[in-house]
Amino acid sequence: MKKSYTLSTDHPEKIIDRYNPQLFLEAVGKNETWTEREFCAIDDVLTNWTTDYIAREKDLEGLIELQSTILRILSSLDSKNLGELKDKYQKYYEPRWRVLSDLIGGRHIILENRDPDRVKKSEHVQKIESILQEDGEIEQKELLKRMNLPERRLFEILSLMEANGIIERYTSGRDLIISKK
């Protein structure tokens, strides 16, 4: 007899531990009536899995599976009668889950195009590496001053460097520290 899966739980971590994305998708698909608790459970599970899968070093297949699951859940819920929760779903949960899907998609692209040698050829990357060679590590706000770049551009460069295993970023109190990996 096949085990029945449900979204009704006071403890979403039980779903995280017991389900994989495929079983989770089946549970969402079988659900006919919707409560706020079930949306919270879906949100908790998708958020947890997204952070977990994004943190994995090389799990491209897992990212693809999770993104597909999120998109299929969104598609499935668009065609269901959500009753009183339709507005909340459309204003809060749907945009949030689309952002999770976008985050996964971004990580997927980074993993698929990982090429540290190509990244190291960038003029800005070489300058950052030179600064780190001299200083060992540096606060991000100090690096921002020394690089004379818009904050968003520096963030993009550092994200690319981190994704390619060139640098590490960590916090020390309120400061974000950059160091060579």
C-alpha atoms as a PDB file:
ATOM      1  CA  MET A   1       0.000   0.000   0.000  1.00  0.00           C
ATOM      2  CA  LYS A   2       1.378   3.387  -1.004  1.00  0.00           C
ATOM      3  CA  LYS A   3       1.915   5.862   1.834  1.00  0.00           C
ATOM      4  CA  SER A   4      -0.358   8.910   1.807  1.00  0.00           C
ATOM      5  CA  TYR A   5       1.301  12.302   2.127  1.00  0.00           C
ATOM      6  CA  THR A   6      -0.299  15.391   3.566  1.00  0.00           C
ATOM      7  CA  LEU A   7       0.498  19.044   4.085  1.00  0.00           C
ATOM      8  CA  SER A   8      -1.513  19.266   7.304  1.00  0.00           C
ATOM      9  CA  THR A   9       1.028  19.496  10.079  1.00  0.00           C
ATOM     10  CA  ASP A  10       1.964  21.723  12.961  1.00  0.00           C
ATOM     11  CA  HIS A  11       5.607  20.925  12.251  1.00  0.00           C
ATOM     12  CA  PRO A  12       6.772  21.704   8.682  1.00  0.00           C
ATOM     13  CA  GLU A  13      10.203  20.303   9.588  1.00  0.00           C
ATOM     14  CA  LYS A  14       8.567  16.845   9.509  1.00  0.00           C
ATOM     15  CA  ILE A  15       7.740  17.441   5.845  1.00  0.00           C
ATOM     16  CA  ILE A  16      11.297  18.607   5.188  1.00  0.00           C
ATOM     17  CA  ASP A  17      12.700  15.442   6.760  1.00  0.00           C
ATOM     18  CA  ARG A  18      10.267  12.936   5.215  1.00  0.00           C
ATOM     19  CA  TYR A  19       9.545  14.269   1.742  1.00  0.00           C
ATOM     20  CA  ASN A  20      11.592  14.800  -1.359  1.00  0.00           C
ATOM     21  CA  PRO A  21      10.491  17.360  -3.960  1.00  0.00           C
ATOM     22  CA  GLN A  22       8.546  14.749  -5.968  1.00  0.00           C
ATOM     23  CA  LEU A  23       6.559  13.489  -2.951  1.00  0.00           C
ATOM     24  CA  PHE A  24       5.965  17.066  -1.853  1.00  0.00           C
ATOM     25  CA  LEU A  25       4.593  17.935  -5.285  1.00  0.00           C
ATOM     26  CA  GLU A  26       2.247  14.926  -5.087  1.00  0.00           C
ATOM     27  CA  ALA A  27       0.973  16.083  -1.683  1.00  0.00           C
ATOM     28  CA  VAL A  28       0.306  19.590  -3.025  1.00  0.00           C
ATOM     29  CA  GLY A  29      -1.450  18.141  -6.067  1.00  0.00           C
ATOM     30  CA  LYS A  30      -3.742  15.940  -3.952  1.00  0.00           C
ATOM     31  CA  ASN A  31      -4.747  18.718  -1.593  1.00  0.00           C
ATOM     32  CA  GLU A  32      -8.297  19.909  -2.323  1.00  0.00           C
ATOM     33  CA  THR A  33      -8.993  22.412   0.442  1.00  0.00           C
ATOM     34  CA  TRP A  34      -6.543  25.052   1.536  1.00  0.00           C
ATOM     35  CA  THR A  35      -5.766  26.586   4.901  1.00  0.00           C
ATOM     36  CA  GLU A  36      -3.298  29.242   5.981  1.00  0.00           C
ATOM     37  CA  ARG A  37      -1.365  26.537   7.846  1.00  0.00           C
ATOM     38  CA  GLU A  38      -0.833  24.566   4.629  1.00  0.00           C
ATOM     39  CA  PHE A  39       0.458  27.634   2.803  1.00  0.00           C
ATOM     40  CA  CYS A  40       2.812  28.297   5.722  1.00  0.00           C
ATOM     41  CA  ALA A  41       3.998  24.682   5.548  1.00  0.00           C
ATOM     42  CA  ILE A  42       4.644  24.945   1.797  1.00  0.00           C
ATOM     43  CA  ASP A  43       6.461  28.243   2.333  1.00  0.00           C
ATOM     44  CA  ASP A  44       8.622  26.836   5.141  1.00  0.00           C
ATOM     45  CA  VAL A  45       9.539  23.754   3.125  1.00  0.00           C
ATOM     46  CA  LEU A  46      10.347  25.639  -0.093  1.00  0.00           C
ATOM     47  CA  THR A  47      12.395  28.257   1.771  1.00  0.00           C
ATOM     48  CA  ASN A  48      14.326  25.600   3.688  1.00  0.00           C
ATOM     49  CA  TRP A  49      14.995  23.474   0.623  1.00  0.00           C
ATOM     50  CA  THR A  50      16.002  26.509  -1.446  1.00  0.00           C
ATOM     51  CA  THR A  51      18.614  27.642   1.069  1.00  0.00           C
ATOM     52  CA  ASP A  52      19.852  24.072   1.446  1.00  0.00           C
ATOM     53  CA  TYR A  53      20.124  23.366  -2.283  1.00  0.00           C
ATOM     54  CA  ILE A  54      21.723  26.740  -3.067  1.00  0.00           C
ATOM     55  CA  ALA A  55      24.388  26.119  -0.422  1.00  0.00           C
ATOM     56  CA  ARG A  56      25.366  22.788  -1.973  1.00  0.00           C
ATOM     57  CA  GLU A  57      28.619  22.989  -3.879  1.00  0.00           C
ATOM     58  CA  LYS A  58      27.719  21.059  -7.050  1.00  0.00           C
ATOM     59  CA  ASP A  59      24.117  19.769  -6.915  1.00  0.00           C
ATOM     60  CA  LEU A  60      22.931  20.921 -10.329  1.00  0.00           C
ATOM     61  CA  GLU A  61      20.383  18.083 -10.613  1.00  0.00           C
ATOM     62  CA  GLY A  62      18.911  18.915  -7.210  1.00  0.00           C
ATOM     63  CA  LEU A  63      18.549  22.568  -8.191  1.00  0.00           C
ATOM     64  CA  ILE A  64      16.789  21.639 -11.423  1.00  0.00           C
ATOM     65  CA  GLU A  65      14.428  19.279  -9.576  1.00  0.00           C
ATOM     66  CA  LEU A  66      13.575  21.845  -6.895  1.00  0.00           C
ATOM     67  CA  GLN A  67      13.012  24.663  -9.390  1.00  0.00           C
ATOM     68  CA  SER A  68      10.761  22.391 -11.431  1.00  0.00           C
ATOM     69  CA  THR A  69       8.850  21.475  -8.263  1.00  0.00           C
ATOM     70  CA  ILE A  70       8.299  25.131  -7.348  1.00  0.00           C
ATOM     71  CA  LEU A  71       7.130  26.024 -10.857  1.00  0.00           C
ATOM     72  CA  ARG A  72       4.778  23.029 -10.938  1.00  0.00           C
ATOM     73  CA  ILE A  73       3.354  23.961  -7.523  1.00  0.00           C
ATOM     74  CA  LEU A  74       2.721  27.496  -8.777  1.00  0.00           C
ATOM     75  CA  SER A  75       1.056  26.155 -11.911  1.00  0.00           C
ATOM     76  CA  SER A  76      -1.018  23.687  -9.897  1.00  0.00           C
ATOM     77  CA  LEU A  77      -2.222  26.335  -7.452  1.00  0.00           C
ATOM     78  CA  ASP A  78      -3.147  28.730 -10.262  1.00  0.00           C
ATOM     79  CA  SER A  79      -5.755  26.222 -11.416  1.00  0.00           C
ATOM     80  CA  LYS A  80      -7.159  25.388  -7.965  1.00  0.00           C
ATOM     81  CA  ASN A  81      -9.990  27.019  -6.099  1.00  0.00           C
ATOM     82  CA  LEU A  82      -8.190  28.624  -3.179  1.00  0.00           C
ATOM     83  CA  GLY A  83     -11.303  30.218  -1.718  1.00  0.00           C
ATOM     84  CA  GLU A  84     -10.669  32.994   0.780  1.00  0.00           C
ATOM     85  CA  LEU A  85      -6.906  32.484   0.526  1.00  0.00           C
ATOM     86  CA  LYS A  86      -6.668  33.425  -3.150  1.00  0.00           C
ATOM     87  CA  ASP A  87      -5.782  37.081  -2.457  1.00  0.00           C
ATOM     88  CA  LYS A  88      -3.162  36.182   0.145  1.00  0.00           C
ATOM     89  CA  TYR A  89      -1.691  33.567  -2.188  1.00  0.00           C
ATOM     90  CA  GLN A  90      -1.481  36.027  -5.085  1.00  0.00           C
ATOM     91  CA  LYS A  91      -0.095  38.915  -3.012  1.00  0.00           C
ATOM     92  CA  TYR A  92       2.269  37.071  -0.686  1.00  0.00           C
ATOM     93  CA  TYR A  93       3.028  33.439  -1.445  1.00  0.00           C
ATOM     94  CA  GLU A  94       3.087  33.382  -5.256  1.00  0.00           C
ATOM     95  CA  PRO A  95       5.587  36.274  -5.612  1.00  0.00           C
ATOM     96  CA  ARG A  96       7.694  34.845  -2.802  1.00  0.00           C
ATOM     97  CA  TRP A  97       7.878  31.400  -4.410  1.00  0.00           C
ATOM     98  CA  ARG A  98       8.718  32.954  -7.779  1.00  0.00           C
ATOM     99  CA  VAL A  99      11.652  34.697  -6.095  1.00  0.00           C
ATOM    100  CA  LEU A 100      12.792  31.341  -4.665  1.00  0.00           C
ATOM    101  CA  SER A 101      12.607  29.890  -8.165  1.00  0.00           C
ATOM    102  CA  ASP A 102      14.628  32.834  -9.503  1.00  0.00           C
ATOM    103  CA  LEU A 103      17.273  32.349  -6.798  1.00  0.00           C
ATOM    104  CA  ILE A 104      17.577  28.697  -7.740  1.00  0.00           C
ATOM    105  CA  GLY A 105      17.765  29.640 -11.413  1.00  0.00           C
ATOM    106  CA  GLY A 106      20.570  32.090 -10.679  1.00  0.00           C
ATOM    107  CA  ARG A 107      22.526  29.487  -8.739  1.00  0.00           C
ATOM    108  CA  HIS A 108      21.930  26.995 -11.551  1.00  0.00           C
ATOM    109  CA  ILE A 109      23.431  29.423 -14.073  1.00  0.00           C
ATOM    110  CA  ILE A 110      26.435  30.046 -11.835  1.00  0.00           C
ATOM    111  CA  LEU A 111      27.117  26.325 -11.379  1.00  0.00           C
ATOM    112  CA  GLU A 112      26.609  25.613 -15.052  1.00  0.00           C
ATOM    113  CA  ASN A 113      29.025  28.363 -16.077  1.00  0.00           C
ATOM    114  CA  ARG A 114      31.597  27.947 -13.350  1.00  0.00           C
ATOM    115  CA  ASP A 115      35.010  28.791 -14.762  1.00  0.00           C
ATOM    116  CA  PRO A 116      37.443  30.288 -12.206  1.00  0.00           C
ATOM    117  CA  ASP A 117      40.178  30.802 -14.815  1.00  0.00           C
ATOM    118  CA  ARG A 118      37.898  32.939 -16.984  1.00  0.00           C
ATOM    119  CA  VAL A 119      36.693  34.926 -13.952  1.00  0.00           C
ATOM    120  CA  LYS A 120      40.288  35.601 -12.843  1.00  0.00           C
ATOM    121  CA  LYS A 121      41.010  37.339 -16.159  1.00  0.00           C
ATOM    122  CA  SER A 122      38.705  40.237 -15.267  1.00  0.00           C
ATOM    123  CA  GLU A 123      40.503  43.485 -14.452  1.00  0.00           C
ATOM    124  CA  HIS A 124      38.371  44.035 -11.326  1.00  0.00           C
ATOM    125  CA  VAL A 125      38.926  40.480 -10.094  1.00  0.00           C
ATOM    126  CA  GLN A 126      42.681  40.873 -10.554  1.00  0.00           C
ATOM    127  CA  LYS A 127      42.623  44.118  -8.565  1.00  0.00           C
ATOM    128  CA  ILE A 128      40.631  42.483  -5.742  1.00  0.00           C
ATOM    129  CA  GLU A 129      43.028  39.527  -5.704  1.00  0.00           C
ATOM    130  CA  SER A 130      45.961  41.968  -5.518  1.00  0.00           C
ATOM    131  CA  ILE A 131      44.375  43.771  -2.559  1.00  0.00           C
ATOM    132  CA  LEU A 132      43.738  40.459  -0.797  1.00  0.00           C
ATOM    133  CA  GLN A 133      47.311  39.346  -1.525  1.00  0.00           C
ATOM    134  CA  GLU A 134      48.575  42.471   0.272  1.00  0.00           C
ATOM    135  CA  ASP A 135      46.037  42.648   3.119  1.00  0.00           C
ATOM    136  CA  GLY A 136      45.018  38.995   3.590  1.00  0.00           C
ATOM    137  CA  GLU A 137      41.415  40.006   4.199  1.00  0.00           C
ATOM    138  CA  ILE A 138      39.409  43.207   3.994  1.00  0.00           C
ATOM    139  CA  GLU A 139      36.057  44.605   5.082  1.00  0.00           C
ATOM    140  CA  GLN A 140      33.666  44.921   2.165  1.00  0.00           C
ATOM    141  CA  LYS A 141      33.030  48.621   2.872  1.00  0.00           C
ATOM    142  CA  GLU A 142      36.801  49.289   2.726  1.00  0.00           C
ATOM    143  CA  LEU A 143      37.069  47.297  -0.510  1.00  0.00           C
ATOM    144  CA  LEU A 144      34.211  49.368  -1.928  1.00  0.00           C
ATOM    145  CA  LYS A 145      36.189  52.570  -1.250  1.00  0.00           C
ATOM    146  CA  ARG A 146      39.387  51.187  -2.764  1.00  0.00           C
ATOM    147  CA  MET A 147      37.733  49.758  -5.869  1.00  0.00           C
ATOM    148  CA  ASN A 148      35.748  52.931  -6.630  1.00  0.00           C
ATOM    149  CA  LEU A 149      32.836  50.917  -8.056  1.00  0.00           C
ATOM    150  CA  PRO A 150      29.089  51.175  -7.511  1.00  0.00           C
ATOM    151  CA  GLU A 151      28.090  48.974  -4.569  1.00  0.00           C
ATOM    152  CA  ARG A 152      25.855  46.768  -6.732  1.00  0.00           C
ATOM    153  CA  ARG A 153      28.665  46.114  -9.232  1.00  0.00           C
ATOM    154  CA  LEU A 154      31.094  45.170  -6.456  1.00  0.00           C
ATOM    155  CA  PHE A 155      28.468  42.821  -5.015  1.00  0.00           C
ATOM    156  CA  GLU A 156      28.077  41.137  -8.431  1.00  0.00           C
ATOM    157  CA  ILE A 157      31.847  40.709  -8.809  1.00  0.00           C
ATOM    158  CA  LEU A 158      32.239  39.330  -5.281  1.00  0.00           C
ATOM    159  CA  SER A 159      29.312  36.939  -5.797  1.00  0.00           C
ATOM    160  CA  LEU A 160      30.899  35.641  -8.988  1.00  0.00           C
ATOM    161  CA  MET A 161      34.275  35.270  -7.276  1.00  0.00           C
ATOM    162  CA  GLU A 162      32.696  33.447  -4.337  1.00  0.00           C
ATOM    163  CA  ALA A 163      30.684  31.142  -6.602  1.00  0.00           C
ATOM    164  CA  ASN A 164      33.885  30.227  -8.435  1.00  0.00           C
ATOM    165  CA  GLY A 165      35.760  29.439  -5.233  1.00  0.00           C
ATOM    166  CA  ILE A 166      38.147  32.400  -5.453  1.00  0.00           C
ATOM    167  CA  ILE A 167      37.124  34.190  -2.244  1.00  0.00           C
ATOM    168  CA  GLU A 168      35.176  33.599   0.933  1.00  0.00           C
ATOM    169  CA  ARG A 169      32.865  36.060   2.638  1.00  0.00           C
ATOM    170  CA  TYR A 170      31.953  35.966   6.304  1.00  0.00           C
ATOM    171  CA  THR A 171      30.646  38.318   8.941  1.00  0.00           C
ATOM    172  CA  SER A 172      32.539  39.570  11.942  1.00  0.00           C
ATOM    173  CA  GLY A 173      30.125  41.468  14.146  1.00  0.00           C
ATOM    174  CA  ARG A 174      28.416  43.861  11.750  1.00  0.00           C
ATOM    175  CA  ASP A 175      31.200  43.810   9.179  1.00  0.00           C
ATOM    176  CA  LEU A 176      31.313  41.677   6.045  1.00  0.00           C
ATOM    177  CA  ILE A 177      34.846  40.367   5.555  1.00  0.00           C
ATOM    178  CA  ILE A 178      36.343  39.219   2.243  1.00  0.00           C
ATOM    179  CA  SER A 179      39.266  36.790   2.233  1.00  0.00           C
ATOM    180  CA  LYS A 180      41.120  34.708  -0.330  1.00  0.00           C
ATOM    181  CA  LYS A 181      40.011  31.086  -0.390  1.00  0.00           C
END
